[in-house]
Amino acid sequence: MKNNDWKERLNVVYSTNPDFNYEISREEEPETLDKRQQKLRVSIEKKGRGGKTVTLIHGFVGTENDLKELGKLLKSKCGVGGSVKDGDILIQGEFKQRIIELLKSEGYIQTK
């Protein structure tokens, strides 16, 4: 049975050969490292955000779902909004010290 999901075939060059089978290469997400092995870096940024201060957490190695789960935990513990983009967690406001303490209490011991 043919797969007719057109979204998976975007940017695919087609052939006139009736026996042609297209192949979709998928990048596998890296496996999530143990909390003790994660080297998370916490920083404060204002650039390009309209003067608003955000706390940026980067360096997480793992699946997108685990990153979103960590972001959700930090946002709820700080009581603020934020987002997860491009492998980084953005927390609205200046919470660097509090986030470092929260991450260390969760088991992320290599946090700076």
C-alpha atoms as a PDB file:
ATOM      1  CA  MET A   1       0.000   0.000   0.000  1.00  0.00           C
ATOM      2  CA  LYS A   2       1.354   3.413  -0.931  1.00  0.00           C
ATOM      3  CA  ASN A   3       1.949   6.121   1.605  1.00  0.00           C
ATOM      4  CA  ASN A   4      -0.010   9.169   0.427  1.00  0.00           C
ATOM      5  CA  ASP A   5       1.057  11.590   3.142  1.00  0.00           C
ATOM      6  CA  TRP A   6       2.171  14.559   1.020  1.00  0.00           C
ATOM      7  CA  LYS A   7       3.879  16.339   3.941  1.00  0.00           C
ATOM      8  CA  GLU A   8       6.524  13.638   4.123  1.00  0.00           C
ATOM      9  CA  ARG A   9       7.228  14.035   0.398  1.00  0.00           C
ATOM     10  CA  LEU A  10       7.882  17.782   0.346  1.00  0.00           C
ATOM     11  CA  ASN A  11      11.099  18.730  -1.444  1.00  0.00           C
ATOM     12  CA  VAL A  12      11.335  15.276  -3.057  1.00  0.00           C
ATOM     13  CA  VAL A  13      12.348  15.108  -6.718  1.00  0.00           C
ATOM     14  CA  TYR A  14      10.118  12.718  -8.613  1.00  0.00           C
ATOM     15  CA  SER A  15      11.073  10.319 -11.373  1.00  0.00           C
ATOM     16  CA  THR A  16       9.112   9.181 -14.413  1.00  0.00           C
ATOM     17  CA  ASN A  17      10.191   5.613 -13.693  1.00  0.00           C
ATOM     18  CA  PRO A  18       7.059   3.723 -12.523  1.00  0.00           C
ATOM     19  CA  ASP A  19       9.174   1.512 -10.234  1.00  0.00           C
ATOM     20  CA  PHE A  20      10.851   4.457  -8.490  1.00  0.00           C
ATOM     21  CA  ASN A  21      10.602   4.420  -4.707  1.00  0.00           C
ATOM     22  CA  TYR A  22      11.457   7.582  -2.845  1.00  0.00           C
ATOM     23  CA  GLU A  23      13.245   7.334   0.472  1.00  0.00           C
ATOM     24  CA  ILE A  24      12.825   9.753   3.308  1.00  0.00           C
ATOM     25  CA  SER A  25      15.834  10.218   5.549  1.00  0.00           C
ATOM     26  CA  ARG A  26      14.961  11.022   9.128  1.00  0.00           C
ATOM     27  CA  GLU A  27      17.331  12.352  11.699  1.00  0.00           C
ATOM     28  CA  GLU A  28      17.110  10.409  14.898  1.00  0.00           C
ATOM     29  CA  GLU A  29      16.885  12.400  18.093  1.00  0.00           C
ATOM     30  CA  PRO A  30      19.786  11.839  20.440  1.00  0.00           C
ATOM     31  CA  GLU A  31      19.049   9.693  23.444  1.00  0.00           C
ATOM     32  CA  THR A  32      18.568  11.682  26.635  1.00  0.00           C
ATOM     33  CA  LEU A  33      21.640  11.666  28.841  1.00  0.00           C
ATOM     34  CA  ASP A  34      21.401  10.970  32.534  1.00  0.00           C
ATOM     35  CA  LYS A  35      20.719  14.043  34.700  1.00  0.00           C
ATOM     36  CA  ARG A  36      24.178  13.806  36.259  1.00  0.00           C
ATOM     37  CA  GLN A  37      25.845  13.893  32.823  1.00  0.00           C
ATOM     38  CA  GLN A  38      23.935  16.905  31.463  1.00  0.00           C
ATOM     39  CA  LYS A  39      26.063  20.061  31.233  1.00  0.00           C
ATOM     40  CA  LEU A  40      23.450  22.802  31.396  1.00  0.00           C
ATOM     41  CA  ARG A  41      24.415  26.480  31.161  1.00  0.00           C
ATOM     42  CA  VAL A  42      22.156  29.220  32.509  1.00  0.00           C
ATOM     43  CA  SER A  43      22.515  32.805  31.294  1.00  0.00           C
ATOM     44  CA  ILE A  44      20.610  36.094  31.191  1.00  0.00           C
ATOM     45  CA  GLU A  45      19.849  37.757  27.835  1.00  0.00           C
ATOM     46  CA  LYS A  46      18.193  40.969  26.695  1.00  0.00           C
ATOM     47  CA  LYS A  47      19.367  41.191  23.078  1.00  0.00           C
ATOM     48  CA  GLY A  48      16.715  41.082  20.390  1.00  0.00           C
ATOM     49  CA  ARG A  49      13.846  40.761  22.823  1.00  0.00           C
ATOM     50  CA  GLY A  50      12.548  44.325  22.946  1.00  0.00           C
ATOM     51  CA  GLY A  51      14.396  45.112  26.165  1.00  0.00           C
ATOM     52  CA  LYS A  52      12.784  42.203  28.008  1.00  0.00           C
ATOM     53  CA  THR A  53      15.015  40.023  30.157  1.00  0.00           C
ATOM     54  CA  VAL A  54      14.950  36.250  29.729  1.00  0.00           C
ATOM     55  CA  THR A  55      16.842  33.450  31.423  1.00  0.00           C
ATOM     56  CA  LEU A  56      18.283  31.062  28.845  1.00  0.00           C
ATOM     57  CA  ILE A  57      19.119  27.419  29.601  1.00  0.00           C
ATOM     58  CA  HIS A  58      21.152  25.618  26.928  1.00  0.00           C
ATOM     59  CA  GLY A  59      23.289  22.519  26.619  1.00  0.00           C
ATOM     60  CA  PHE A  60      20.528  19.911  27.052  1.00  0.00           C
ATOM     61  CA  VAL A  61      21.239  16.664  25.201  1.00  0.00           C
ATOM     62  CA  GLY A  62      18.177  14.544  24.617  1.00  0.00           C
ATOM     63  CA  THR A  63      14.781  14.231  23.017  1.00  0.00           C
ATOM     64  CA  GLU A  64      12.506  17.180  22.326  1.00  0.00           C
ATOM     65  CA  ASN A  65       9.840  15.779  24.679  1.00  0.00           C
ATOM     66  CA  ASP A  66      12.275  15.577  27.610  1.00  0.00           C
ATOM     67  CA  LEU A  67      13.398  19.152  26.929  1.00  0.00           C
ATOM     68  CA  LYS A  68       9.787  20.373  26.888  1.00  0.00           C
ATOM     69  CA  GLU A  69       9.106  18.511  30.129  1.00  0.00           C
ATOM     70  CA  LEU A  70      12.091  20.200  31.818  1.00  0.00           C
ATOM     71  CA  GLY A  71      10.963  23.576  30.470  1.00  0.00           C
ATOM     72  CA  LYS A  72       7.463  23.027  31.828  1.00  0.00           C
ATOM     73  CA  LEU A  73       8.863  22.107  35.245  1.00  0.00           C
ATOM     74  CA  LEU A  74      11.049  25.236  35.411  1.00  0.00           C
ATOM     75  CA  LYS A  75       8.251  27.535  34.255  1.00  0.00           C
ATOM     76  CA  SER A  76       5.859  26.180  36.861  1.00  0.00           C
ATOM     77  CA  LYS A  77       8.445  26.354  39.691  1.00  0.00           C
ATOM     78  CA  CYS A  78       9.284  29.973  38.814  1.00  0.00           C
ATOM     79  CA  GLY A  79       5.646  30.907  38.217  1.00  0.00           C
ATOM     80  CA  VAL A  80       6.368  32.603  34.881  1.00  0.00           C
ATOM     81  CA  GLY A  81       5.998  31.959  31.172  1.00  0.00           C
ATOM     82  CA  GLY A  82       8.563  30.849  28.679  1.00  0.00           C
ATOM     83  CA  SER A  83       9.164  28.580  25.743  1.00  0.00           C
ATOM     84  CA  VAL A  84      11.368  25.857  24.299  1.00  0.00           C
ATOM     85  CA  LYS A  85      13.039  26.777  20.990  1.00  0.00           C
ATOM     86  CA  ASP A  86      15.980  25.357  19.058  1.00  0.00           C
ATOM     87  CA  GLY A  87      17.140  23.149  21.925  1.00  0.00           C
ATOM     88  CA  ASP A  88      17.080  26.020  24.456  1.00  0.00           C
ATOM     89  CA  ILE A  89      14.676  26.819  27.269  1.00  0.00           C
ATOM     90  CA  LEU A  90      13.622  30.471  27.605  1.00  0.00           C
ATOM     91  CA  ILE A  91      12.194  31.595  30.949  1.00  0.00           C
ATOM     92  CA  GLN A  92      10.690  35.092  31.125  1.00  0.00           C
ATOM     93  CA  GLY A  93      12.433  37.252  33.697  1.00  0.00           C
ATOM     94  CA  GLU A  94      15.716  37.162  35.578  1.00  0.00           C
ATOM     95  CA  PHE A  95      15.775  33.867  37.499  1.00  0.00           C
ATOM     96  CA  LYS A  96      19.354  32.665  36.991  1.00  0.00           C
ATOM     97  CA  GLN A  97      20.178  31.815  40.610  1.00  0.00           C
ATOM     98  CA  ARG A  98      16.781  30.258  41.305  1.00  0.00           C
ATOM     99  CA  ILE A  99      16.939  28.080  38.185  1.00  0.00           C
ATOM    100  CA  ILE A 100      20.449  26.888  39.039  1.00  0.00           C
ATOM    101  CA  GLU A 101      19.214  25.859  42.487  1.00  0.00           C
ATOM    102  CA  LEU A 102      16.145  24.129  41.010  1.00  0.00           C
ATOM    103  CA  LEU A 103      18.223  22.219  38.471  1.00  0.00           C
ATOM    104  CA  LYS A 104      20.702  21.075  41.114  1.00  0.00           C
ATOM    105  CA  SER A 105      17.845  19.919  43.372  1.00  0.00           C
ATOM    106  CA  GLU A 106      16.423  17.944  40.413  1.00  0.00           C
ATOM    107  CA  GLY A 107      19.746  16.127  39.949  1.00  0.00           C
ATOM    108  CA  TYR A 108      21.443  18.210  37.222  1.00  0.00           C
ATOM    109  CA  ILE A 109      24.710  18.568  39.175  1.00  0.00           C
ATOM    110  CA  GLN A 110      26.855  19.999  36.322  1.00  0.00           C
ATOM    111  CA  THR A 111      24.864  23.228  36.078  1.00  0.00           C
ATOM    112  CA  LYS A 112      26.531  26.634  35.886  1.00  0.00           C
END
